Amino acid sequence: VADLVFDDLLASGFIDEDGFISTGMQPYIFLAHIITGELCQRKCEPEQDYLGTYGHTFIVAHNKPESDEMWHSSDPSWIGKASMSQRHRFLVFKNLRWEYFNVISLGLECGSQEALEALKEMKDAATHWVSQAPGWSK
């Protein structure tokens, strides 16, 4: 399965031959540009501090501004594009390897043990973040 997913992502230009997510302009993957620091979301800068030591492994990101604004829209043209909630955040691995870019592919190359450890760390990071960020449930 990993080879099929890899080959499809490679053929589509989403990853390079080494398995790293594209940071080019076509296709433009905004989260990849956030991970590399090429794109800075000013409203997210102070939110990074709430990750504490997890900030070495993860980054918090917002959706695109227009997607955040349309979170409550029932317009069919926004289905799959609008944010899932008013305060939707992404918790993203600072790892551009293709299998770390989406949790559905996590473990396809590194194996289930490493994937499980990464997901546990992600849960711990998210729990820590909401405990530190103002206005979130404890």
C-alpha atoms as a PDB file:
ATOM      1  CA  VAL A   1       0.000   0.000   0.000  1.00  0.00           C
ATOM      2  CA  ALA A   2       2.801   2.439   0.881  1.00  0.00           C
ATOM      3  CA  ASP A   3       4.331   2.083  -2.589  1.00  0.00           C
ATOM      4  CA  LEU A   4       1.005   2.821  -4.282  1.00  0.00           C
ATOM      5  CA  VAL A   5       0.388   5.920  -2.147  1.00  0.00           C
ATOM      6  CA  PHE A   6       3.978   7.085  -2.620  1.00  0.00           C
ATOM      7  CA  ASP A   7       3.832   6.619  -6.400  1.00  0.00           C
ATOM      8  CA  ASP A   8       0.531   8.476  -6.650  1.00  0.00           C
ATOM      9  CA  LEU A   9       1.805  11.404  -4.555  1.00  0.00           C
ATOM     10  CA  LEU A  10       5.010  11.512  -6.594  1.00  0.00           C
ATOM     11  CA  ALA A  11       3.156  11.454  -9.931  1.00  0.00           C
ATOM     12  CA  SER A  12       0.874  14.250  -8.717  1.00  0.00           C
ATOM     13  CA  GLY A  13       3.827  16.423  -7.691  1.00  0.00           C
ATOM     14  CA  PHE A  14       2.892  16.450  -4.010  1.00  0.00           C
ATOM     15  CA  ILE A  15       6.201  14.823  -2.995  1.00  0.00           C
ATOM     16  CA  ASP A  16       9.685  14.604  -4.441  1.00  0.00           C
ATOM     17  CA  GLU A  17      11.714  11.459  -5.238  1.00  0.00           C
ATOM     18  CA  ASP A  18      13.032  11.385  -1.653  1.00  0.00           C
ATOM     19  CA  GLY A  19       9.513  11.387  -0.177  1.00  0.00           C
ATOM     20  CA  PHE A  20       9.420  14.955   1.080  1.00  0.00           C
ATOM     21  CA  ILE A  21       6.314  17.117   0.696  1.00  0.00           C
ATOM     22  CA  SER A  22       6.630  19.705  -2.072  1.00  0.00           C
ATOM     23  CA  THR A  23       7.479  23.212  -0.956  1.00  0.00           C
ATOM     24  CA  GLY A  24       7.212  24.607  -4.471  1.00  0.00           C
ATOM     25  CA  MET A  25       4.471  26.734  -5.937  1.00  0.00           C
ATOM     26  CA  GLN A  26       2.716  23.960  -7.904  1.00  0.00           C
ATOM     27  CA  PRO A  27       1.079  22.324  -6.162  1.00  0.00           C
ATOM     28  CA  TYR A  28       1.063  24.912  -3.396  1.00  0.00           C
ATOM     29  CA  ILE A  29       0.746  23.143  -0.043  1.00  0.00           C
ATOM     30  CA  PHE A  30       0.356  25.949   2.468  1.00  0.00           C
ATOM     31  CA  LEU A  31       1.072  23.778   5.531  1.00  0.00           C
ATOM     32  CA  ALA A  32       4.404  22.721   4.017  1.00  0.00           C
ATOM     33  CA  HIS A  33       5.347  26.388   3.687  1.00  0.00           C
ATOM     34  CA  ILE A  34       4.385  26.962   7.324  1.00  0.00           C
ATOM     35  CA  ILE A  35       6.540  24.021   8.436  1.00  0.00           C
ATOM     36  CA  THR A  36       9.578  25.403   6.581  1.00  0.00           C
ATOM     37  CA  GLY A  37       8.978  28.904   7.917  1.00  0.00           C
ATOM     38  CA  GLU A  38       8.493  30.343   4.412  1.00  0.00           C
ATOM     39  CA  LEU A  39       4.923  31.265   5.355  1.00  0.00           C
ATOM     40  CA  CYS A  40       4.317  32.937   8.685  1.00  0.00           C
ATOM     41  CA  GLN A  41       0.835  33.121  10.165  1.00  0.00           C
ATOM     42  CA  ARG A  42       1.117  36.136  12.443  1.00  0.00           C
ATOM     43  CA  LYS A  43      -1.942  35.197  14.498  1.00  0.00           C
ATOM     44  CA  CYS A  44      -0.321  31.824  15.211  1.00  0.00           C
ATOM     45  CA  GLU A  45       3.036  33.105  16.391  1.00  0.00           C
ATOM     46  CA  PRO A  46       2.010  33.572  20.046  1.00  0.00           C
ATOM     47  CA  GLU A  47       0.160  30.250  19.981  1.00  0.00           C
ATOM     48  CA  GLN A  48       3.400  28.337  19.358  1.00  0.00           C
ATOM     49  CA  ASP A  49       4.578  29.126  22.885  1.00  0.00           C
ATOM     50  CA  TYR A  50       1.679  27.123  24.322  1.00  0.00           C
ATOM     51  CA  LEU A  51       3.258  23.967  22.888  1.00  0.00           C
ATOM     52  CA  GLY A  52       6.174  24.250  25.306  1.00  0.00           C
ATOM     53  CA  THR A  53       8.816  21.616  24.560  1.00  0.00           C
ATOM     54  CA  TYR A  54       6.465  20.009  22.032  1.00  0.00           C
ATOM     55  CA  GLY A  55       7.264  22.988  19.806  1.00  0.00           C
ATOM     56  CA  HIS A  56      10.407  21.169  18.696  1.00  0.00           C
ATOM     57  CA  THR A  57       8.255  18.511  17.004  1.00  0.00           C
ATOM     58  CA  PHE A  58       4.977  20.270  16.180  1.00  0.00           C
ATOM     59  CA  ILE A  59       3.601  23.550  14.928  1.00  0.00           C
ATOM     60  CA  VAL A  60       0.107  24.985  15.377  1.00  0.00           C
ATOM     61  CA  ALA A  61      -1.503  26.464  12.275  1.00  0.00           C
ATOM     62  CA  HIS A  62      -4.751  28.090  11.296  1.00  0.00           C
ATOM     63  CA  ASN A  63      -6.659  27.366   8.144  1.00  0.00           C
ATOM     64  CA  LYS A  64      -6.599  29.933   5.344  1.00  0.00           C
ATOM     65  CA  PRO A  65      -8.361  33.145   6.489  1.00  0.00           C
ATOM     66  CA  GLU A  66     -11.215  32.753   4.012  1.00  0.00           C
ATOM     67  CA  SER A  67     -11.777  29.168   5.199  1.00  0.00           C
ATOM     68  CA  ASP A  68     -11.830  30.305   8.837  1.00  0.00           C
ATOM     69  CA  GLU A  69     -14.342  33.015   7.986  1.00  0.00           C
ATOM     70  CA  MET A  70     -16.678  30.514   6.285  1.00  0.00           C
ATOM     71  CA  TRP A  71     -16.610  27.885   9.067  1.00  0.00           C
ATOM     72  CA  HIS A  72     -20.381  28.167   9.619  1.00  0.00           C
ATOM     73  CA  SER A  73     -21.391  28.396   5.948  1.00  0.00           C
ATOM     74  CA  SER A  74     -23.897  25.943   4.505  1.00  0.00           C
ATOM     75  CA  ASP A  75     -23.007  27.050   0.975  1.00  0.00           C
ATOM     76  CA  PRO A  76     -22.185  23.881  -1.020  1.00  0.00           C
ATOM     77  CA  SER A  77     -19.183  25.609  -2.605  1.00  0.00           C
ATOM     78  CA  TRP A  78     -17.487  25.696   0.829  1.00  0.00           C
ATOM     79  CA  ILE A  79     -17.936  22.000   1.632  1.00  0.00           C
ATOM     80  CA  GLY A  80     -14.480  20.524   2.162  1.00  0.00           C
ATOM     81  CA  LYS A  81     -12.849  23.980   2.230  1.00  0.00           C
ATOM     82  CA  ALA A  82     -14.342  25.818   5.211  1.00  0.00           C
ATOM     83  CA  SER A  83     -12.855  25.280   8.656  1.00  0.00           C
ATOM     84  CA  MET A  84     -14.536  22.585  10.740  1.00  0.00           C
ATOM     85  CA  SER A  85     -15.258  24.930  13.642  1.00  0.00           C
ATOM     86  CA  GLN A  86     -14.927  28.554  14.686  1.00  0.00           C
ATOM     87  CA  ARG A  87     -11.556  27.974  16.402  1.00  0.00           C
ATOM     88  CA  HIS A  88     -10.195  25.152  14.239  1.00  0.00           C
ATOM     89  CA  ARG A  89      -6.439  24.579  14.510  1.00  0.00           C
ATOM     90  CA  PHE A  90      -4.017  22.200  12.837  1.00  0.00           C
ATOM     91  CA  LEU A  91      -1.374  20.448  14.903  1.00  0.00           C
ATOM     92  CA  VAL A  92       1.276  19.569  12.350  1.00  0.00           C
ATOM     93  CA  PHE A  93       4.453  17.526  12.597  1.00  0.00           C
ATOM     94  CA  LYS A  94       7.531  19.570  11.716  1.00  0.00           C
ATOM     95  CA  ASN A  95       8.503  16.711   9.469  1.00  0.00           C
ATOM     96  CA  LEU A  96       8.126  16.980   5.700  1.00  0.00           C
ATOM     97  CA  ARG A  97       8.309  13.201   5.129  1.00  0.00           C
ATOM     98  CA  TRP A  98       5.168  12.288   3.238  1.00  0.00           C
ATOM     99  CA  GLU A  99       3.828   9.834   5.780  1.00  0.00           C
ATOM    100  CA  TYR A 100       3.929  12.432   8.579  1.00  0.00           C
ATOM    101  CA  PHE A 101       1.887  14.986   6.660  1.00  0.00           C
ATOM    102  CA  ASN A 102      -1.451  13.295   7.286  1.00  0.00           C
ATOM    103  CA  VAL A 103      -2.212  10.898  10.133  1.00  0.00           C
ATOM    104  CA  ILE A 104      -3.993   8.553   7.734  1.00  0.00           C
ATOM    105  CA  SER A 105      -0.635   7.731   6.137  1.00  0.00           C
ATOM    106  CA  LEU A 106       1.381   7.679   9.354  1.00  0.00           C
ATOM    107  CA  GLY A 107       3.097   4.331   9.769  1.00  0.00           C
ATOM    108  CA  LEU A 108       2.952   3.212   6.148  1.00  0.00           C
ATOM    109  CA  GLU A 109       6.749   3.380   5.958  1.00  0.00           C
ATOM    110  CA  CYS A 110       7.995   3.736   9.529  1.00  0.00           C
ATOM    111  CA  GLY A 111       5.794   0.964  10.911  1.00  0.00           C
ATOM    112  CA  SER A 112       3.028   0.786  13.465  1.00  0.00           C
ATOM    113  CA  GLN A 113       5.218   1.085  16.580  1.00  0.00           C
ATOM    114  CA  GLU A 114       6.816   4.379  15.500  1.00  0.00           C
ATOM    115  CA  ALA A 115       3.446   5.650  14.273  1.00  0.00           C
ATOM    116  CA  LEU A 116       1.795   4.823  17.591  1.00  0.00           C
ATOM    117  CA  GLU A 117       4.558   6.623  19.510  1.00  0.00           C
ATOM    118  CA  ALA A 118       4.186   9.658  17.221  1.00  0.00           C
ATOM    119  CA  LEU A 119       0.409   9.730  17.722  1.00  0.00           C
ATOM    120  CA  LYS A 120       0.796   9.468  21.500  1.00  0.00           C
ATOM    121  CA  GLU A 121       3.215  12.398  21.419  1.00  0.00           C
ATOM    122  CA  MET A 122       0.757  14.330  19.242  1.00  0.00           C
ATOM    123  CA  LYS A 123      -2.046  13.693  21.729  1.00  0.00           C
ATOM    124  CA  ASP A 124       0.197  14.822  24.591  1.00  0.00           C
ATOM    125  CA  ALA A 125       1.136  17.966  22.640  1.00  0.00           C
ATOM    126  CA  ALA A 126      -2.504  18.794  21.905  1.00  0.00           C
ATOM    127  CA  THR A 127      -3.497  18.219  25.523  1.00  0.00           C
ATOM    128  CA  HIS A 128      -0.624  20.404  26.714  1.00  0.00           C
ATOM    129  CA  TRP A 129      -1.488  23.128  24.178  1.00  0.00           C
ATOM    130  CA  VAL A 130      -5.150  23.418  25.218  1.00  0.00           C
ATOM    131  CA  SER A 131      -4.163  23.429  28.892  1.00  0.00           C
ATOM    132  CA  GLN A 132      -1.903  26.435  28.262  1.00  0.00           C
ATOM    133  CA  ALA A 133      -3.803  28.402  25.623  1.00  0.00           C
ATOM    134  CA  PRO A 134      -6.367  30.846  27.003  1.00  0.00           C
ATOM    135  CA  GLY A 135     -10.036  30.196  26.337  1.00  0.00           C
ATOM    136  CA  TRP A 136      -9.840  26.448  25.761  1.00  0.00           C
ATOM    137  CA  SER A 137     -11.384  23.717  27.898  1.00  0.00           C
ATOM    138  CA  LYS A 138      -9.107  22.192  30.484  1.00  0.00           C
END
